Amino acid sequence: MVQKTQISPLAWFLLIVLTIIWGSSFLLIKKSIIVFTPIQLSYLRISVSFLCLLPFGLARFSQIKKKDFFSFFVVGFFGSALPSFLFAYAQLSIPSFLAGMLNALTPLWTIIIAKLFFNKNFNLTKWIGLIIGFLGTCVLSYNPGSSIGLDYYILMVVTATFCYALSANVISYKLSHLHTLTISSASFMIVGPMAIGCFLMEDFTNIDTSTDTFDVAIWSMLGLAVLATALGLILFNKLIHVSNVVFATSITYLIPIVALVLGVFFLEEHININQLLGSLIILLAVYLVKK
């Protein structure tokens, strides 16, 4: 795939819309896991997203080729299914804005994966940025109260960002010949039925559906599934096609701002010096990687 160097107005528009949608998703996760367990939320989110995308998948079924099957699986599982669980589980412990801050690691992983698996070459500045990003992650992850000195929940978010970067590279370098709707719907036609099967085996009998809390949780889950996952994946795939994978993943510059504002104003979250310092270091690293 030839990477585009000129960024169009459409690309900037998609970047802003996605920033609002995905920046809000951390708040929606917090509201959802009050009622649902992380694994229940993940199954529900992927199942509903699959049903939203199914008509597009059926309409474009003839475009789905056997040679692309593994790439679709990578996009569906690593780009949506696994991160949806990792973020939900991590937010049992960490603030929503911190999850948004850590999401800024995605461009760093994007560079590493592009180099290791797709033979892309990058200058010294980008590699310095990667090292600084790793240091920033260590600062964020450090927890003196842990036996290993690291915050296990933060490392789950770091793993999720690796998954996002892997998916973005596969879309950019392996599936660029396909329409964005084909990529989105085909990837969910693989992981969606598995999520529904797992969902049907879950025990939801302990959930009280008569409370206002449940209403908030179910609407939050639907927002995550329809907007953040189904629509978000379509828009992100489109963004990669009309720009390039590095510009597309730079959305993680902006997501922390939305996540921070919503976390402070709606969840009354507080930021400590470790989190502030680590976040600033990571954002500096992403700036260097983007140069």
Protein backbone atom coordinates (compact mmCIF):
# COMPACT_ATOMS: atom_id res chain seq x y z
CA MET A 1 0.00 0.00 0.00
CA VAL A 2 1.28 3.49 -0.90
CA GLN A 3 0.97 5.71 2.18
CA LYS A 4 -0.80 9.05 1.55
CA THR A 5 1.13 12.16 2.53
CA GLN A 6 -1.61 14.78 1.88
CA ILE A 7 -4.29 14.83 4.57
CA SER A 8 -7.74 15.75 3.23
CA PRO A 9 -10.51 17.71 5.03
CA LEU A 10 -12.51 14.47 5.17
CA ALA A 11 -9.70 12.82 7.11
CA TRP A 12 -9.68 15.66 9.66
CA PHE A 13 -13.48 15.49 9.98
CA LEU A 14 -13.37 11.75 10.61
CA LEU A 15 -10.59 12.25 13.15
CA ILE A 16 -12.68 14.75 15.15
CA VAL A 17 -15.86 12.64 15.08
CA LEU A 18 -13.94 9.53 16.16
CA THR A 19 -12.25 11.49 18.95
CA ILE A 20 -15.63 12.38 20.45
CA ILE A 21 -17.03 8.86 20.05
CA TRP A 22 -14.00 6.97 21.37
CA GLY A 23 -13.15 9.57 24.01
CA SER A 24 -16.64 9.05 25.44
CA SER A 25 -16.32 5.26 25.42
CA PHE A 26 -14.28 5.17 28.65
CA LEU A 27 -17.11 6.91 30.50
CA LEU A 28 -19.61 4.46 28.97
CA ILE A 29 -17.47 1.51 30.08
CA LYS A 30 -17.44 2.82 33.65
CA LYS A 31 -21.22 3.14 33.62
CA SER A 32 -21.66 -0.34 32.12
CA ILE A 33 -19.45 -2.30 34.52
CA ILE A 34 -21.50 -1.09 37.47
CA VAL A 35 -24.03 -3.75 36.40
CA PHE A 36 -22.24 -6.09 33.99
CA THR A 37 -18.98 -7.98 34.54
CA PRO A 38 -16.20 -7.15 32.06
CA ILE A 39 -16.67 -10.42 30.18
CA GLN A 40 -20.46 -9.94 30.02
CA LEU A 41 -19.99 -6.42 28.71
CA SER A 42 -17.53 -7.67 26.10
CA TYR A 43 -19.91 -10.40 24.87
CA LEU A 44 -22.84 -7.96 24.74
CA ARG A 45 -20.84 -5.27 23.00
CA ILE A 46 -19.49 -7.56 20.28
CA SER A 47 -22.83 -9.35 19.82
CA VAL A 48 -24.81 -6.13 19.32
CA SER A 49 -22.11 -4.71 17.03
CA PHE A 50 -22.24 -7.92 14.98
CA LEU A 51 -26.01 -7.62 14.55
CA CYS A 52 -25.63 -3.98 13.46
CA LEU A 53 -23.01 -4.89 10.86
CA LEU A 54 -24.61 -8.15 9.69
CA PRO A 55 -26.75 -6.60 6.89
CA PHE A 56 -23.62 -5.00 5.41
CA GLY A 57 -21.75 -8.30 5.70
CA LEU A 58 -24.47 -10.22 3.90
CA ALA A 59 -24.69 -7.59 1.15
CA ARG A 60 -20.92 -7.72 0.61
CA PHE A 61 -20.44 -11.44 1.15
CA SER A 62 -19.24 -11.94 -2.44
CA GLN A 63 -16.30 -9.60 -1.78
CA ILE A 64 -15.01 -11.73 1.09
CA LYS A 65 -12.20 -13.93 -0.19
CA LYS A 66 -10.66 -16.93 1.51
CA LYS A 67 -7.17 -15.41 1.33
CA ASP A 68 -8.31 -12.51 3.54
CA PHE A 69 -9.94 -14.69 6.20
CA PHE A 70 -7.04 -14.58 8.65
CA SER A 71 -6.71 -10.80 8.27
CA PHE A 72 -10.43 -10.41 9.01
CA PHE A 73 -9.99 -12.54 12.12
CA VAL A 74 -7.07 -10.39 13.32
CA VAL A 75 -9.11 -7.19 12.82
CA GLY A 76 -12.18 -8.64 14.54
CA PHE A 77 -10.49 -10.34 17.47
CA PHE A 78 -7.51 -8.09 18.15
CA GLY A 79 -9.11 -4.86 16.95
CA SER A 80 -12.41 -5.21 18.83
CA ALA A 81 -13.16 -8.36 20.83
CA LEU A 82 -10.07 -8.67 23.03
CA PRO A 83 -9.59 -4.93 23.71
CA SER A 84 -13.25 -4.57 24.70
CA PHE A 85 -12.64 -7.05 27.53
CA LEU A 86 -9.22 -5.72 28.51
CA PHE A 87 -10.42 -2.12 28.82
CA ALA A 88 -13.54 -3.10 30.77
CA TYR A 89 -11.55 -5.28 33.19
CA ALA A 90 -8.87 -2.62 33.65
CA GLN A 91 -11.46 0.03 34.45
CA LEU A 92 -12.60 -1.95 37.44
CA SER A 93 -9.53 -0.40 39.07
CA ILE A 94 -8.17 2.53 37.05
CA PRO A 95 -9.93 5.85 36.26
CA SER A 96 -11.54 6.25 32.85
CA PHE A 97 -9.31 9.22 31.95
CA LEU A 98 -6.19 7.15 32.69
CA ALA A 99 -7.41 4.45 30.31
CA GLY A 100 -7.82 7.20 27.72
CA MET A 101 -4.31 8.48 28.40
CA LEU A 102 -2.80 5.02 28.02
CA ASN A 103 -4.61 4.67 24.71
CA ALA A 104 -1.98 7.11 23.38
CA LEU A 105 0.45 4.17 23.25
CA THR A 106 -1.27 2.88 20.11
CA PRO A 107 0.87 4.89 17.62
CA LEU A 108 4.02 3.68 19.37
CA TRP A 109 2.98 0.06 18.95
CA THR A 110 1.95 0.88 15.36
CA ILE A 111 5.53 1.88 14.53
CA ILE A 112 7.01 -1.23 16.18
CA ILE A 113 4.63 -3.62 14.43
CA ALA A 114 5.09 -1.90 11.06
CA LYS A 115 8.86 -2.35 11.41
CA LEU A 116 8.82 -5.95 12.66
CA PHE A 117 6.11 -7.41 10.42
CA PHE A 118 5.75 -5.08 7.43
CA ASN A 119 9.38 -4.03 6.85
CA LYS A 120 8.78 -0.30 7.29
CA ASN A 121 11.79 1.89 8.03
CA PHE A 122 11.70 4.79 10.49
CA ASN A 123 14.14 7.53 11.48
CA LEU A 124 16.04 7.95 14.74
CA THR A 125 13.53 10.45 16.15
CA LYS A 126 10.77 7.85 16.03
CA TRP A 127 12.89 5.30 17.85
CA ILE A 128 13.76 7.86 20.54
CA GLY A 129 10.03 8.50 20.84
CA LEU A 130 9.42 4.77 21.34
CA ILE A 131 11.96 4.63 24.17
CA ILE A 132 10.44 7.68 25.84
CA GLY A 133 6.98 6.13 25.46
CA PHE A 134 8.18 2.98 27.19
CA LEU A 135 9.56 5.07 30.07
CA GLY A 136 6.27 6.94 30.34
CA THR A 137 4.40 3.66 30.53
CA CYS A 138 6.68 2.50 33.34
CA VAL A 139 5.96 5.70 35.28
CA LEU A 140 2.21 5.22 34.81
CA SER A 141 2.35 1.53 35.65
CA TYR A 142 4.50 1.84 38.78
CA ASN A 143 2.60 0.82 41.89
CA PRO A 144 4.63 0.61 45.14
CA GLY A 145 1.85 -1.40 46.77
CA SER A 146 2.15 -4.22 44.23
CA SER A 147 4.46 -7.17 44.90
CA ILE A 148 6.04 -6.70 41.48
CA GLY A 149 5.88 -2.90 41.57
CA LEU A 150 3.60 -2.73 38.53
CA ASP A 151 -0.12 -2.05 38.17
CA TYR A 152 -1.61 -5.17 36.60
CA TYR A 153 -4.69 -3.26 35.37
CA ILE A 154 -2.59 -0.68 33.55
CA LEU A 155 -0.66 -3.44 31.78
CA MET A 156 -3.98 -4.79 30.52
CA VAL A 157 -4.65 -1.46 28.79
CA VAL A 158 -1.11 -1.50 27.36
CA THR A 159 -1.89 -4.93 25.89
CA ALA A 160 -5.12 -3.59 24.41
CA THR A 161 -3.24 -0.77 22.66
CA PHE A 162 -0.90 -3.35 21.13
CA CYS A 163 -3.99 -5.16 19.81
CA TYR A 164 -5.35 -1.93 18.29
CA ALA A 165 -2.03 -1.23 16.59
CA LEU A 166 -1.82 -4.75 15.17
CA SER A 167 -5.32 -4.43 13.73
CA ALA A 168 -4.58 -0.99 12.25
CA ASN A 169 -1.48 -2.30 10.48
CA VAL A 170 -3.34 -5.29 9.06
CA ILE A 171 -6.07 -2.99 7.73
CA SER A 172 -3.49 -0.66 6.21
CA TYR A 173 -1.16 -3.24 4.65
CA LYS A 174 -3.32 -6.32 4.07
CA LEU A 175 -6.89 -5.13 3.49
CA SER A 176 -6.44 -1.78 1.75
CA HIS A 177 -7.98 -3.20 -1.45
CA LEU A 178 -11.37 -3.62 0.25
CA HIS A 179 -14.16 -1.17 1.11
CA THR A 180 -14.30 -0.10 4.76
CA LEU A 181 -17.77 -1.62 5.22
CA THR A 182 -16.51 -4.93 3.89
CA ILE A 183 -13.61 -4.97 6.37
CA SER A 184 -15.80 -4.00 9.34
CA SER A 185 -18.66 -6.36 8.61
CA ALA A 186 -16.51 -9.32 7.57
CA SER A 187 -14.37 -9.12 10.71
CA PHE A 188 -17.49 -9.20 12.88
CA MET A 189 -19.01 -12.07 10.91
CA ILE A 190 -16.10 -14.10 12.32
CA VAL A 191 -16.04 -12.96 15.96
CA GLY A 192 -19.74 -12.05 16.31
CA PRO A 193 -21.22 -15.58 16.30
CA MET A 194 -18.60 -16.69 18.84
CA ALA A 195 -19.53 -13.78 21.10
CA ILE A 196 -23.24 -14.61 20.85
CA GLY A 197 -22.52 -18.25 21.71
CA CYS A 198 -20.53 -17.22 24.78
CA PHE A 199 -23.19 -14.65 25.73
CA LEU A 200 -25.91 -17.33 25.74
CA MET A 201 -23.85 -19.40 28.19
CA GLU A 202 -23.44 -16.49 30.64
CA ASP A 203 -25.53 -16.30 33.82
CA PHE A 204 -27.37 -12.96 34.04
CA THR A 205 -29.86 -14.02 36.72
CA ASN A 206 -28.15 -11.98 39.44
CA ILE A 207 -28.74 -8.69 37.59
CA ASP A 208 -31.64 -6.55 38.82
CA THR A 209 -33.25 -5.14 35.67
CA SER A 210 -35.72 -2.93 37.56
CA THR A 211 -33.23 -0.29 38.74
CA ASP A 212 -32.22 3.03 37.22
CA THR A 213 -28.63 1.81 37.36
CA PHE A 214 -29.49 -1.01 34.98
CA ASP A 215 -31.12 1.43 32.56
CA VAL A 216 -27.95 3.55 32.53
CA ALA A 217 -25.78 0.46 32.08
CA ILE A 218 -27.81 -0.97 29.20
CA TRP A 219 -27.87 2.36 27.33
CA SER A 220 -24.15 2.76 27.93
CA MET A 221 -23.55 -0.74 26.56
CA LEU A 222 -25.64 0.05 23.48
CA GLY A 223 -23.66 3.26 22.97
CA LEU A 224 -20.44 1.28 23.15
CA ALA A 225 -21.70 -1.37 20.73
CA VAL A 226 -23.43 0.80 18.13
CA LEU A 227 -21.33 3.97 18.22
CA ALA A 228 -17.89 3.13 19.64
CA THR A 229 -17.58 -0.33 18.07
CA ALA A 230 -19.78 -0.72 14.94
CA LEU A 231 -19.82 2.88 13.69
CA GLY A 232 -16.39 3.63 15.13
CA LEU A 233 -14.79 0.71 13.32
CA ILE A 234 -16.34 1.77 10.01
CA LEU A 235 -15.17 5.36 10.44
CA PHE A 236 -11.69 4.31 11.56
CA ASN A 237 -11.24 1.97 8.61
CA LYS A 238 -12.38 4.81 6.35
CA LEU A 239 -9.92 7.17 8.04
CA ILE A 240 -7.04 4.78 7.36
CA HIS A 241 -8.06 4.56 3.70
CA VAL A 242 -8.32 8.34 3.15
CA SER A 243 -5.12 9.14 5.08
CA ASN A 244 -2.56 6.65 6.42
CA VAL A 245 -2.16 4.36 9.40
CA VAL A 246 0.11 6.72 11.37
CA PHE A 247 -2.24 9.71 10.95
CA ALA A 248 -5.24 7.56 11.81
CA THR A 249 -3.73 6.27 15.05
CA SER A 250 -2.79 9.83 16.04
CA ILE A 251 -6.38 10.08 17.22
CA THR A 252 -4.90 8.95 20.52
CA TYR A 253 -3.51 12.49 20.94
CA LEU A 254 -7.06 13.77 21.29
CA ILE A 255 -8.90 10.91 22.99
CA PRO A 256 -7.22 11.56 26.40
CA ILE A 257 -8.55 15.13 26.40
CA VAL A 258 -12.16 13.98 25.96
CA ALA A 259 -11.69 11.12 28.43
CA LEU A 260 -10.16 13.46 31.02
CA VAL A 261 -12.91 16.09 30.75
CA LEU A 262 -15.70 13.51 30.99
CA GLY A 263 -13.97 11.61 33.81
CA VAL A 264 -13.47 14.71 35.94
CA PHE A 265 -16.91 16.25 35.36
CA PHE A 266 -19.14 13.15 35.29
CA LEU A 267 -17.25 10.60 37.42
CA GLU A 268 -15.44 13.02 39.77
CA GLU A 269 -12.12 11.32 39.08
CA HIS A 270 -8.86 12.75 40.39
CA ILE A 271 -5.41 12.63 38.83
CA ASN A 272 -2.22 12.07 40.85
CA ILE A 273 1.32 13.16 40.06
CA ASN A 274 2.38 9.74 38.75
CA GLN A 275 -0.52 9.67 36.31
CA LEU A 276 0.06 13.26 35.17
CA LEU A 277 3.81 12.81 34.68
CA GLY A 278 3.47 9.46 32.90
CA SER A 279 0.73 10.80 30.61
CA LEU A 280 2.79 13.84 29.62
CA ILE A 281 5.81 11.63 28.88
CA ILE A 282 3.69 9.36 26.66
CA LEU A 283 2.21 12.33 24.78
CA LEU A 284 5.77 13.66 24.20
CA ALA A 285 6.73 10.23 22.87
CA VAL A 286 3.77 10.18 20.49
CA TYR A 287 4.72 13.68 19.26
CA LEU A 288 8.24 12.46 18.43
CA VAL A 289 6.93 9.34 16.72
CA LYS A 290 4.66 11.50 14.54
CA LYS A 291 7.51 13.75 13.33
